[in-house]
N, C-alpha and C. Protein backbone atom coordinates (compact mmCIF):
# COMPACT_ATOMS: atom_id res chain seq x y z
N MET A 1 91.43 109.31 57.78
CA MET A 1 91.87 109.92 59.14
C MET A 1 90.77 109.34 60.30
N ASN A 2 90.87 108.89 61.28
CA ASN A 2 89.84 108.88 62.22
C ASN A 2 89.96 109.72 63.66
N ALA A 3 89.15 110.97 63.10
CA ALA A 3 89.86 112.01 63.96
C ALA A 3 87.81 112.45 65.16
N ILE A 4 88.11 112.36 66.13
CA ILE A 4 86.65 112.40 67.11
C ILE A 4 86.30 114.75 66.98
N MET A 5 85.13 113.62 66.72
CA MET A 5 84.66 115.07 66.25
C MET A 5 83.28 115.23 67.48
N THR A 6 83.24 116.62 68.02
CA THR A 6 82.89 116.83 69.05
C THR A 6 81.89 118.22 68.63
N ASN A 7 80.85 118.54 69.14
CA ASN A 7 79.97 119.39 68.91
C ASN A 7 80.18 121.05 69.69
N PHE A 8 81.52 120.84 69.73
CA PHE A 8 82.22 122.05 70.25
C PHE A 8 82.16 123.38 69.08
N ASP A 9 81.87 123.15 67.49
CA ASP A 9 81.73 124.40 66.91
C ASP A 9 80.70 124.44 66.60
N PHE A 10 79.84 123.70 66.78
CA PHE A 10 78.62 123.67 66.19
C PHE A 10 77.61 124.47 67.07
N GLU A 11 78.27 124.42 68.78
CA GLU A 11 76.90 125.06 70.15
C GLU A 11 77.14 126.24 70.19
N PRO A 12 76.13 126.31 70.57
CA PRO A 12 76.38 128.50 70.52
C PRO A 12 77.13 128.81 71.73
N ALA A 13 77.25 130.01 72.07
CA ALA A 13 79.00 130.20 72.82
C ALA A 13 78.78 130.39 74.07
N GLU A 14 76.51 130.57 74.05
CA GLU A 14 76.63 130.83 75.52
C GLU A 14 76.52 129.35 76.30
N GLN A 15 76.53 128.46 75.59
CA GLN A 15 76.61 127.24 76.43
C GLN A 15 77.73 127.24 77.42
N HIS A 16 79.35 127.16 76.31
CA HIS A 16 80.13 127.01 77.06
C HIS A 16 80.72 128.07 77.51
N ARG A 17 80.00 128.49 78.37
CA ARG A 17 80.74 129.97 79.64
C ARG A 17 80.98 129.45 80.98
N SER A 18 82.57 129.35 81.03
CA SER A 18 82.55 129.20 82.30
C SER A 18 81.96 129.92 83.84
N GLN A 19 81.92 128.97 84.84
CA GLN A 19 81.17 129.59 85.59
C GLN A 19 82.24 131.11 86.25
N ARG A 20 83.68 130.48 86.11
CA ARG A 20 84.48 131.79 87.02
C ARG A 20 84.53 132.98 86.31
N TRP A 21 84.56 132.76 85.16
CA TRP A 21 84.63 133.79 84.20
C TRP A 21 83.18 134.91 84.10
N GLU A 22 82.19 134.52 85.41
CA GLU A 22 81.11 135.58 84.48
C GLU A 22 81.06 136.38 84.58
N GLY A 23 81.92 137.48 85.23
CA GLY A 23 82.55 139.10 85.27
C GLY A 23 83.43 139.42 83.69
N PHE A 24 83.37 138.59 83.11
CA PHE A 24 84.03 138.93 82.12
C PHE A 24 83.34 138.43 80.57
N SER A 25 82.19 137.57 80.66
CA SER A 25 81.43 137.52 79.98
C SER A 25 81.06 138.16 78.84
N GLU A 26 80.73 139.50 79.13
CA GLU A 26 79.98 141.02 78.10
C GLU A 26 81.26 140.65 77.25
N ILE A 27 82.66 141.35 78.23
CA ILE A 27 83.89 141.67 77.27
C ILE A 27 84.33 140.98 76.04
N ASP A 28 84.17 139.35 76.51
CA ASP A 28 84.08 138.12 75.36
C ASP A 28 83.11 138.20 74.34
N GLN A 29 82.13 138.71 74.79
CA GLN A 29 81.03 138.34 73.85
C GLN A 29 81.36 139.80 72.97
N ALA A 30 81.89 140.55 73.34
CA ALA A 30 82.16 141.23 72.30
C ALA A 30 83.17 141.27 71.60
N ILE A 31 83.64 140.72 72.17
CA ILE A 31 85.00 140.56 71.73
C ILE A 31 84.97 139.59 70.38
N ARG A 32 84.00 138.59 70.55
CA ARG A 32 83.65 137.42 69.63
C ARG A 32 82.95 137.80 68.69
N GLU A 33 81.95 139.04 69.01
CA GLU A 33 81.38 139.42 67.57
C GLU A 33 81.73 140.90 67.08
N ASN A 34 83.35 140.97 67.24
CA ASN A 34 84.19 142.04 66.74
C ASN A 34 83.42 143.26 67.26
N ARG A 35 83.20 143.29 68.22
CA ARG A 35 82.16 145.28 68.64
C ARG A 35 82.53 145.61 69.98
N LEU A 36 83.99 145.68 70.03
CA LEU A 36 84.47 146.00 71.16
C LEU A 36 84.71 147.24 71.15
N MET A 37 84.56 148.74 70.01
CA MET A 37 84.84 149.54 69.93
C MET A 37 83.41 149.59 70.67
N GLU A 38 82.59 149.17 70.54
CA GLU A 38 81.06 149.40 70.64
C GLU A 38 80.93 149.66 72.13
N TYR A 39 81.20 148.24 72.81
CA TYR A 39 81.70 147.98 74.72
C TYR A 39 82.21 149.28 75.06
N ARG A 40 83.39 149.92 74.48
CA ARG A 40 84.06 151.13 75.28
C ARG A 40 83.26 152.07 75.46
N ILE A 41 82.59 152.43 73.99
CA ILE A 41 81.57 153.96 73.85
C ILE A 41 81.26 153.81 75.18
N LYS A 42 80.02 152.76 74.95
CA LYS A 42 78.61 152.27 75.97
C LYS A 42 79.76 152.53 77.49
N LYS A 43 80.75 151.90 77.67
CA LYS A 43 80.89 151.74 79.17
C LYS A 43 82.08 153.26 80.09
N SER A 44 82.46 153.51 78.40
CA SER A 44 82.45 154.74 79.01
C SER A 44 81.33 156.03 78.73
N TRP A 45 80.55 155.87 78.58
CA TRP A 45 79.56 157.22 78.48
C TRP A 45 79.17 156.35 79.96
N ALA A 46 78.81 155.40 80.17
CA ALA A 46 78.34 155.23 81.88
C ALA A 46 79.19 155.61 82.87
N ASP A 47 79.72 155.91 82.13
CA ASP A 47 80.78 156.44 83.68
C ASP A 47 80.46 158.37 83.60
N PRO A 48 80.34 158.70 84.99
CA PRO A 48 80.23 159.73 84.71
C PRO A 48 81.19 161.34 84.19
N TRP A 49 82.25 160.71 84.43
CA TRP A 49 83.74 161.12 84.38
C TRP A 49 83.62 161.04 83.28
N GLY A 50 83.96 159.95 82.00
CA GLY A 50 83.98 159.78 80.87
C GLY A 50 83.12 160.53 80.03
N ARG A 51 81.93 160.36 80.90
CA ARG A 51 80.93 161.34 79.86
C ARG A 51 81.01 162.91 79.82
N LYS A 52 81.53 163.55 80.72
CA LYS A 52 82.22 164.46 80.91
C LYS A 52 83.49 164.90 79.82
N LEU A 53 84.38 164.28 79.50
CA LEU A 53 85.47 163.74 79.22
C LEU A 53 85.48 163.60 77.88
N THR A 54 84.48 162.51 77.36
CA THR A 54 83.90 162.96 75.77
C THR A 54 83.47 164.20 75.47
N VAL A 55 82.07 164.80 75.73
CA VAL A 55 81.88 165.91 76.00
C VAL A 55 82.92 167.31 75.95
N LEU A 56 84.10 167.25 76.68
CA LEU A 56 84.24 167.79 76.67
C LEU A 56 85.59 167.81 75.81
N GLY A 57 85.79 167.37 75.32
CA GLY A 57 87.23 166.80 73.93
C GLY A 57 86.85 166.70 72.85
N ILE A 58 84.87 166.86 72.61
CA ILE A 58 84.43 166.94 71.76
C ILE A 58 83.69 168.66 71.12
N VAL A 59 83.70 169.34 72.43
CA VAL A 59 83.90 170.70 72.13
C VAL A 59 85.16 171.17 72.11
N VAL A 60 86.10 171.10 72.39
CA VAL A 60 87.59 171.26 72.47
C VAL A 60 87.29 171.73 70.41
N ILE A 61 87.59 169.76 70.26
CA ILE A 61 87.43 169.73 68.70
C ILE A 61 87.11 170.80 67.80
N VAL A 62 85.37 170.95 68.01
CA VAL A 62 84.73 171.40 67.10
C VAL A 62 85.06 173.69 67.31
N GLY A 63 85.70 173.17 68.40
CA GLY A 63 85.64 175.12 68.46
C GLY A 63 87.23 174.82 67.92
N VAL A 64 87.89 174.32 68.19
CA VAL A 64 89.56 174.54 66.97
C VAL A 64 88.93 174.24 65.73
N PHE A 65 88.43 174.04 65.06
CA PHE A 65 87.81 173.59 64.39
C PHE A 65 87.10 174.73 63.39
N ALA A 66 86.14 175.84 64.20
CA ALA A 66 85.57 176.51 64.49
C ALA A 66 86.18 178.12 64.15
N PHE A 67 86.99 178.07 65.08
CA PHE A 67 88.44 178.84 64.71
C PHE A 67 89.16 178.48 63.88
N LEU A 68 89.75 177.62 63.05
CA LEU A 68 90.27 177.74 61.83
C LEU A 68 89.06 177.86 60.29
N ALA A 69 88.63 177.50 60.66
CA ALA A 69 87.30 178.55 59.48
C ALA A 69 86.90 179.44 59.96
N GLY A 70 86.49 179.80 60.92
CA GLY A 70 86.73 181.55 60.95
C GLY A 70 88.09 182.01 60.60
N THR A 71 89.28 181.93 61.02
CA THR A 71 90.40 182.12 60.96
C THR A 71 90.59 182.18 58.64
N SER A 72 90.84 181.21 58.39
CA SER A 72 90.23 180.95 57.06
C SER A 72 88.88 181.90 55.82
N LEU A 73 88.44 182.14 56.85
CA LEU A 73 86.97 182.96 55.83
C LEU A 73 87.74 184.69 56.50
N GLY A 74 88.56 184.75 56.75
CA GLY A 74 89.07 186.19 57.82
C GLY A 74 87.76 186.60 58.31
N LEU A 75 87.48 185.98 59.62
CA LEU A 75 86.08 186.56 59.66
C LEU A 75 87.18 187.29 61.09
N TRP A 76 88.35 186.93 61.95
CA TRP A 76 88.73 187.42 62.43
C TRP A 76 90.78 187.35 62.59
């Protein structure tokens, strides 16, 4: 076989980024490194409404579990 080998597979990913897609470089890097969930959590926490909804959701979940635990223990 006579295949043409390039250095594309061996060069770092930063060298191959297109200038047209600079805004998507962070999400592209997150997908490449398989840390998309971490990226979404950081972006949501940076947004004031996202942060409020996250805290409210956690409070509701903890409240429901506390109510269920109190009910099962006969506290109310």
